[in-house]
């Protein structure tokens, strides 16, 4: 790579709208362009780092709903790895993996909230907790019912109900 590097250190991806809203609310945003800045302690940071690549000539820019400031490790320990000035492309497959990582974070946080409510004796209704969760992250592109059904499917997977089998005793 010769010549001067691009100064682009952001990438746009398209993911589910509610996950984009969640990411914008969860992570700090850059003042001028509205892109999210992900802390290096997050799993999402490492997911993005693994998928950063150099844009080839035949690849097109994708207009997305989430602008991400790409991670840079060059500041610490004179690391000579991926320079975001060159490695500033996230493919469609990378966007899919980033979406999976964000969905995992989203579901973990939502399910933990609702499971804790169950463990402490249902102090609040599940729907009220979901509404509060939606308001805390300013989510408008997903309904309360969808999240409630998501939680019930999850709960049935981890705590399947066992039916009691009665055995009739035969007296001889």
C-alpha atoms as a PDB file:
ATOM      1  CA  UNK A   1       0.000   0.000   0.000  1.00  0.00           C
ATOM      2  CA  UNK A   2       1.622   3.124  -1.154  1.00  0.00           C
ATOM      3  CA  UNK A   3       0.362   6.622  -1.057  1.00  0.00           C
ATOM      4  CA  UNK A   4      -1.538   8.507   1.549  1.00  0.00           C
ATOM      5  CA  UNK A   5      -4.194   6.551   3.482  1.00  0.00           C
ATOM      6  CA  UNK A   6      -7.829   7.563   3.441  1.00  0.00           C
ATOM      7  CA  UNK A   7      -8.984   9.381   6.518  1.00  0.00           C
ATOM      8  CA  UNK A   8     -12.173   7.332   6.646  1.00  0.00           C
ATOM      9  CA  UNK A   9     -12.383   5.629  10.007  1.00  0.00           C
ATOM     10  CA  UNK A  10     -16.090   4.898   9.932  1.00  0.00           C
ATOM     11  CA  UNK A  11     -18.207   2.293   8.220  1.00  0.00           C
ATOM     12  CA  UNK A  12     -21.942   2.025   7.622  1.00  0.00           C
ATOM     13  CA  UNK A  13     -23.882  -1.203   7.897  1.00  0.00           C
ATOM     14  CA  UNK A  14     -27.558  -2.067   7.632  1.00  0.00           C
ATOM     15  CA  UNK A  15     -29.038  -4.112  10.476  1.00  0.00           C
ATOM     16  CA  UNK A  16     -32.483  -4.579  12.021  1.00  0.00           C
ATOM     17  CA  UNK A  17     -33.850  -1.106  12.891  1.00  0.00           C
ATOM     18  CA  UNK A  18     -34.478  -1.906  16.574  1.00  0.00           C
ATOM     19  CA  UNK A  19     -30.904  -3.162  16.976  1.00  0.00           C
ATOM     20  CA  UNK A  20     -29.565   0.015  15.369  1.00  0.00           C
ATOM     21  CA  UNK A  21     -31.635   2.094  17.821  1.00  0.00           C
ATOM     22  CA  UNK A  22     -30.373  -0.054  20.702  1.00  0.00           C
ATOM     23  CA  UNK A  23     -26.726   0.355  19.658  1.00  0.00           C
ATOM     24  CA  UNK A  24     -27.087   4.127  19.291  1.00  0.00           C
ATOM     25  CA  UNK A  25     -28.583   4.380  22.771  1.00  0.00           C
ATOM     26  CA  UNK A  26     -26.214   1.924  24.456  1.00  0.00           C
ATOM     27  CA  UNK A  27     -22.904   3.198  23.122  1.00  0.00           C
ATOM     28  CA  UNK A  28     -21.700   6.778  23.095  1.00  0.00           C
ATOM     29  CA  UNK A  29     -22.143   8.656  19.869  1.00  0.00           C
ATOM     30  CA  UNK A  30     -19.689  10.942  18.135  1.00  0.00           C
ATOM     31  CA  UNK A  31     -20.885  14.536  18.246  1.00  0.00           C
ATOM     32  CA  UNK A  32     -20.357  15.562  14.635  1.00  0.00           C
ATOM     33  CA  UNK A  33     -21.511  12.557  12.607  1.00  0.00           C
ATOM     34  CA  UNK A  34     -23.666  10.521  15.017  1.00  0.00           C
ATOM     35  CA  UNK A  35     -21.609   7.341  14.684  1.00  0.00           C
ATOM     36  CA  UNK A  36     -21.250   5.019  17.655  1.00  0.00           C
ATOM     37  CA  UNK A  37     -17.971   4.584  19.504  1.00  0.00           C
ATOM     38  CA  UNK A  38     -17.602   1.111  20.977  1.00  0.00           C
ATOM     39  CA  UNK A  39     -15.435   0.565  24.075  1.00  0.00           C
ATOM     40  CA  UNK A  40     -12.622  -1.956  23.754  1.00  0.00           C
ATOM     41  CA  UNK A  41     -14.054  -4.028  26.625  1.00  0.00           C
ATOM     42  CA  UNK A  42     -17.096  -4.978  24.551  1.00  0.00           C
ATOM     43  CA  UNK A  43     -17.454  -8.184  22.542  1.00  0.00           C
ATOM     44  CA  UNK A  44     -18.839  -6.077  19.712  1.00  0.00           C
ATOM     45  CA  UNK A  45     -15.515  -4.214  19.493  1.00  0.00           C
ATOM     46  CA  UNK A  46     -13.650  -7.468  18.840  1.00  0.00           C
ATOM     47  CA  UNK A  47     -16.311  -8.684  16.398  1.00  0.00           C
ATOM     48  CA  UNK A  48     -15.888  -5.513  14.354  1.00  0.00           C
ATOM     49  CA  UNK A  49     -12.110  -5.722  14.605  1.00  0.00           C
ATOM     50  CA  UNK A  50     -12.100  -9.233  13.147  1.00  0.00           C
ATOM     51  CA  UNK A  51     -14.295  -8.223  10.202  1.00  0.00           C
ATOM     52  CA  UNK A  52     -12.519  -5.025   9.172  1.00  0.00           C
ATOM     53  CA  UNK A  53     -11.085  -5.409   5.677  1.00  0.00           C
ATOM     54  CA  UNK A  54      -9.691  -3.415   2.798  1.00  0.00           C
ATOM     55  CA  UNK A  55     -12.314  -2.381   0.290  1.00  0.00           C
ATOM     56  CA  UNK A  56     -11.782  -3.896  -3.107  1.00  0.00           C
ATOM     57  CA  UNK A  57     -12.511  -1.978  -6.298  1.00  0.00           C
ATOM     58  CA  UNK A  58     -15.564  -4.060  -7.227  1.00  0.00           C
ATOM     59  CA  UNK A  59     -17.251  -3.674  -3.822  1.00  0.00           C
ATOM     60  CA  UNK A  60     -19.890  -1.000  -3.477  1.00  0.00           C
ATOM     61  CA  UNK A  61     -20.622   1.194  -0.478  1.00  0.00           C
ATOM     62  CA  UNK A  62     -23.717   0.103   1.380  1.00  0.00           C
ATOM     63  CA  UNK A  63     -26.028   2.751   2.785  1.00  0.00           C
ATOM     64  CA  UNK A  64     -26.874   1.658   6.260  1.00  0.00           C
ATOM     65  CA  UNK A  65     -28.732   2.676   9.370  1.00  0.00           C
ATOM     66  CA  UNK A  66     -25.759   2.374  11.740  1.00  0.00           C
ATOM     67  CA  UNK A  67     -22.529   4.356  11.471  1.00  0.00           C
ATOM     68  CA  UNK A  68     -19.661   2.751  13.390  1.00  0.00           C
ATOM     69  CA  UNK A  69     -16.355   4.361  14.302  1.00  0.00           C
ATOM     70  CA  UNK A  70     -13.887   1.594  13.569  1.00  0.00           C
ATOM     71  CA  UNK A  71     -11.647   0.381  16.378  1.00  0.00           C
ATOM     72  CA  UNK A  72      -7.999   1.372  16.307  1.00  0.00           C
ATOM     73  CA  UNK A  73      -5.359  -0.366  18.389  1.00  0.00           C
ATOM     74  CA  UNK A  74      -2.515   1.610  16.880  1.00  0.00           C
ATOM     75  CA  UNK A  75      -2.345   4.015  19.803  1.00  0.00           C
ATOM     76  CA  UNK A  76      -1.331   1.378  22.318  1.00  0.00           C
ATOM     77  CA  UNK A  77       1.990  -0.461  22.344  1.00  0.00           C
ATOM     78  CA  UNK A  78       2.912   0.728  18.830  1.00  0.00           C
ATOM     79  CA  UNK A  79       0.731  -2.039  17.402  1.00  0.00           C
ATOM     80  CA  UNK A  80       1.109  -2.322  13.642  1.00  0.00           C
ATOM     81  CA  UNK A  81      -2.093  -4.248  12.956  1.00  0.00           C
ATOM     82  CA  UNK A  82      -5.155  -3.056  11.077  1.00  0.00           C
ATOM     83  CA  UNK A  83      -5.019   0.648  10.414  1.00  0.00           C
ATOM     84  CA  UNK A  84      -8.630   1.926  10.146  1.00  0.00           C
ATOM     85  CA  UNK A  85      -7.502   4.306   7.418  1.00  0.00           C
ATOM     86  CA  UNK A  86      -6.979   1.277   5.142  1.00  0.00           C
ATOM     87  CA  UNK A  87      -9.146  -1.407   6.780  1.00  0.00           C
ATOM     88  CA  UNK A  88     -12.367   0.586   6.660  1.00  0.00           C
ATOM     89  CA  UNK A  89     -14.797  -1.791   4.959  1.00  0.00           C
ATOM     90  CA  UNK A  90     -17.410  -4.058   6.533  1.00  0.00           C
ATOM     91  CA  UNK A  91     -18.985  -6.564   4.149  1.00  0.00           C
ATOM     92  CA  UNK A  92     -22.573  -7.815   4.176  1.00  0.00           C
ATOM     93  CA  UNK A  93     -21.396 -10.984   5.941  1.00  0.00           C
ATOM     94  CA  UNK A  94     -19.639  -8.821   8.537  1.00  0.00           C
ATOM     95  CA  UNK A  95     -22.846  -6.829   9.035  1.00  0.00           C
ATOM     96  CA  UNK A  96     -24.693 -10.093   9.609  1.00  0.00           C
ATOM     97  CA  UNK A  97     -22.203 -11.173  12.289  1.00  0.00           C
ATOM     98  CA  UNK A  98     -22.305  -7.739  13.930  1.00  0.00           C
ATOM     99  CA  UNK A  99     -26.105  -7.948  13.928  1.00  0.00           C
ATOM    100  CA  UNK A 100     -25.918 -11.361  15.632  1.00  0.00           C
ATOM    101  CA  UNK A 101     -23.581  -9.955  18.278  1.00  0.00           C
ATOM    102  CA  UNK A 102     -25.873  -6.978  18.919  1.00  0.00           C
ATOM    103  CA  UNK A 103     -28.939  -9.253  19.071  1.00  0.00           C
ATOM    104  CA  UNK A 104     -27.160 -11.423  21.629  1.00  0.00           C
ATOM    105  CA  UNK A 105     -26.362  -8.360  23.764  1.00  0.00           C
ATOM    106  CA  UNK A 106     -29.916  -7.066  23.430  1.00  0.00           C
ATOM    107  CA  UNK A 107     -31.545 -10.388  24.321  1.00  0.00           C
ATOM    108  CA  UNK A 108     -29.160 -10.980  27.217  1.00  0.00           C
ATOM    109  CA  UNK A 109     -30.018  -7.641  28.774  1.00  0.00           C
ATOM    110  CA  UNK A 110     -33.768  -8.011  28.236  1.00  0.00           C
ATOM    111  CA  UNK A 111     -33.947 -11.624  29.417  1.00  0.00           C
ATOM    112  CA  UNK A 112     -31.796 -10.891  32.474  1.00  0.00           C
ATOM    113  CA  UNK A 113     -34.164  -8.089  33.468  1.00  0.00           C
ATOM    114  CA  UNK A 114     -37.231 -10.310  33.164  1.00  0.00           C
ATOM    115  CA  UNK A 115     -35.642 -13.360  34.812  1.00  0.00           C
ATOM    116  CA  UNK A 116     -34.553 -11.259  37.796  1.00  0.00           C
ATOM    117  CA  UNK A 117     -38.139 -10.082  38.144  1.00  0.00           C
ATOM    118  CA  UNK A 118     -39.262 -13.736  38.231  1.00  0.00           C
ATOM    119  CA  UNK A 119     -36.633 -14.673  40.796  1.00  0.00           C
ATOM    120  CA  UNK A 120     -37.701 -11.871  43.126  1.00  0.00           C
ATOM    121  CA  UNK A 121     -41.360 -12.857  43.085  1.00  0.00           C
ATOM    122  CA  UNK A 122     -42.800 -10.858  40.175  1.00  0.00           C
ATOM    123  CA  UNK A 123     -42.683  -7.425  41.798  1.00  0.00           C
ATOM    124  CA  UNK A 124     -43.641  -5.928  38.430  1.00  0.00           C
ATOM    125  CA  UNK A 125     -45.643  -7.141  35.451  1.00  0.00           C
ATOM    126  CA  UNK A 126     -43.494  -8.326  32.557  1.00  0.00           C
ATOM    127  CA  UNK A 127     -45.162  -5.941  30.126  1.00  0.00           C
ATOM    128  CA  UNK A 128     -44.378  -2.989  32.412  1.00  0.00           C
ATOM    129  CA  UNK A 129     -40.720  -3.957  32.533  1.00  0.00           C
ATOM    130  CA  UNK A 130     -40.617  -4.270  28.755  1.00  0.00           C
ATOM    131  CA  UNK A 131     -42.211  -0.841  28.307  1.00  0.00           C
ATOM    132  CA  UNK A 132     -39.628   0.622  30.704  1.00  0.00           C
ATOM    133  CA  UNK A 133     -36.842  -1.144  28.771  1.00  0.00           C
ATOM    134  CA  UNK A 134     -38.153   0.287  25.481  1.00  0.00           C
ATOM    135  CA  UNK A 135     -38.268   3.791  26.937  1.00  0.00           C
ATOM    136  CA  UNK A 136     -34.801   3.549  28.475  1.00  0.00           C
ATOM    137  CA  UNK A 137     -33.279   2.820  25.042  1.00  0.00           C
ATOM    138  CA  UNK A 138     -35.786   4.926  23.037  1.00  0.00           C
ATOM    139  CA  UNK A 139     -36.819   1.959  20.900  1.00  0.00           C
ATOM    140  CA  UNK A 140     -39.741   2.611  18.590  1.00  0.00           C
ATOM    141  CA  UNK A 141     -39.338   0.067  15.808  1.00  0.00           C
ATOM    142  CA  UNK A 142     -40.312  -3.018  17.828  1.00  0.00           C
ATOM    143  CA  UNK A 143     -43.472  -3.678  19.806  1.00  0.00           C
ATOM    144  CA  UNK A 144     -43.883  -4.723  23.415  1.00  0.00           C
ATOM    145  CA  UNK A 145     -45.710  -7.875  22.335  1.00  0.00           C
ATOM    146  CA  UNK A 146     -42.833  -8.978  20.122  1.00  0.00           C
ATOM    147  CA  UNK A 147     -40.383  -8.670  23.017  1.00  0.00           C
ATOM    148  CA  UNK A 148     -42.759 -10.415  25.405  1.00  0.00           C
ATOM    149  CA  UNK A 149     -43.178 -13.334  22.983  1.00  0.00           C
ATOM    150  CA  UNK A 150     -39.404 -13.416  22.522  1.00  0.00           C
ATOM    151  CA  UNK A 151     -38.972 -13.743  26.285  1.00  0.00           C
ATOM    152  CA  UNK A 152     -41.613 -16.457  26.627  1.00  0.00           C
ATOM    153  CA  UNK A 153     -39.999 -18.500  23.849  1.00  0.00           C
ATOM    154  CA  UNK A 154     -36.635 -18.121  25.592  1.00  0.00           C
ATOM    155  CA  UNK A 155     -38.076 -19.091  28.978  1.00  0.00           C
ATOM    156  CA  UNK A 156     -39.740 -22.194  27.528  1.00  0.00           C
ATOM    157  CA  UNK A 157     -36.415 -23.239  26.026  1.00  0.00           C
ATOM    158  CA  UNK A 158     -34.488 -22.979  29.289  1.00  0.00           C
ATOM    159  CA  UNK A 159     -37.270 -24.065  31.643  1.00  0.00           C
ATOM    160  CA  UNK A 160     -39.395 -26.544  29.793  1.00  0.00           C
ATOM    161  CA  UNK A 161     -42.489 -27.566  31.675  1.00  0.00           C
ATOM    162  CA  UNK A 162     -42.555 -31.230  32.602  1.00  0.00           C
ATOM    163  CA  UNK A 163     -45.837 -33.025  32.585  1.00  0.00           C
ATOM    164  CA  UNK A 164     -46.516 -35.375  35.430  1.00  0.00           C
ATOM    165  CA  UNK A 165     -47.094 -38.937  34.431  1.00  0.00           C
ATOM    166  CA  UNK A 166     -49.444 -40.848  36.673  1.00  0.00           C
ATOM    167  CA  UNK A 167     -48.852 -44.544  36.994  1.00  0.00           C
ATOM    168  CA  UNK A 168     -51.859 -46.546  37.942  1.00  0.00           C
ATOM    169  CA  UNK A 169     -51.034 -49.063  40.597  1.00  0.00           C
ATOM    170  CA  UNK A 170     -52.411 -52.473  39.918  1.00  0.00           C
ATOM    171  CA  UNK A 171     -53.355 -54.421  43.021  1.00  0.00           C
ATOM    172  CA  UNK A 172     -53.073 -58.165  42.807  1.00  0.00           C
END
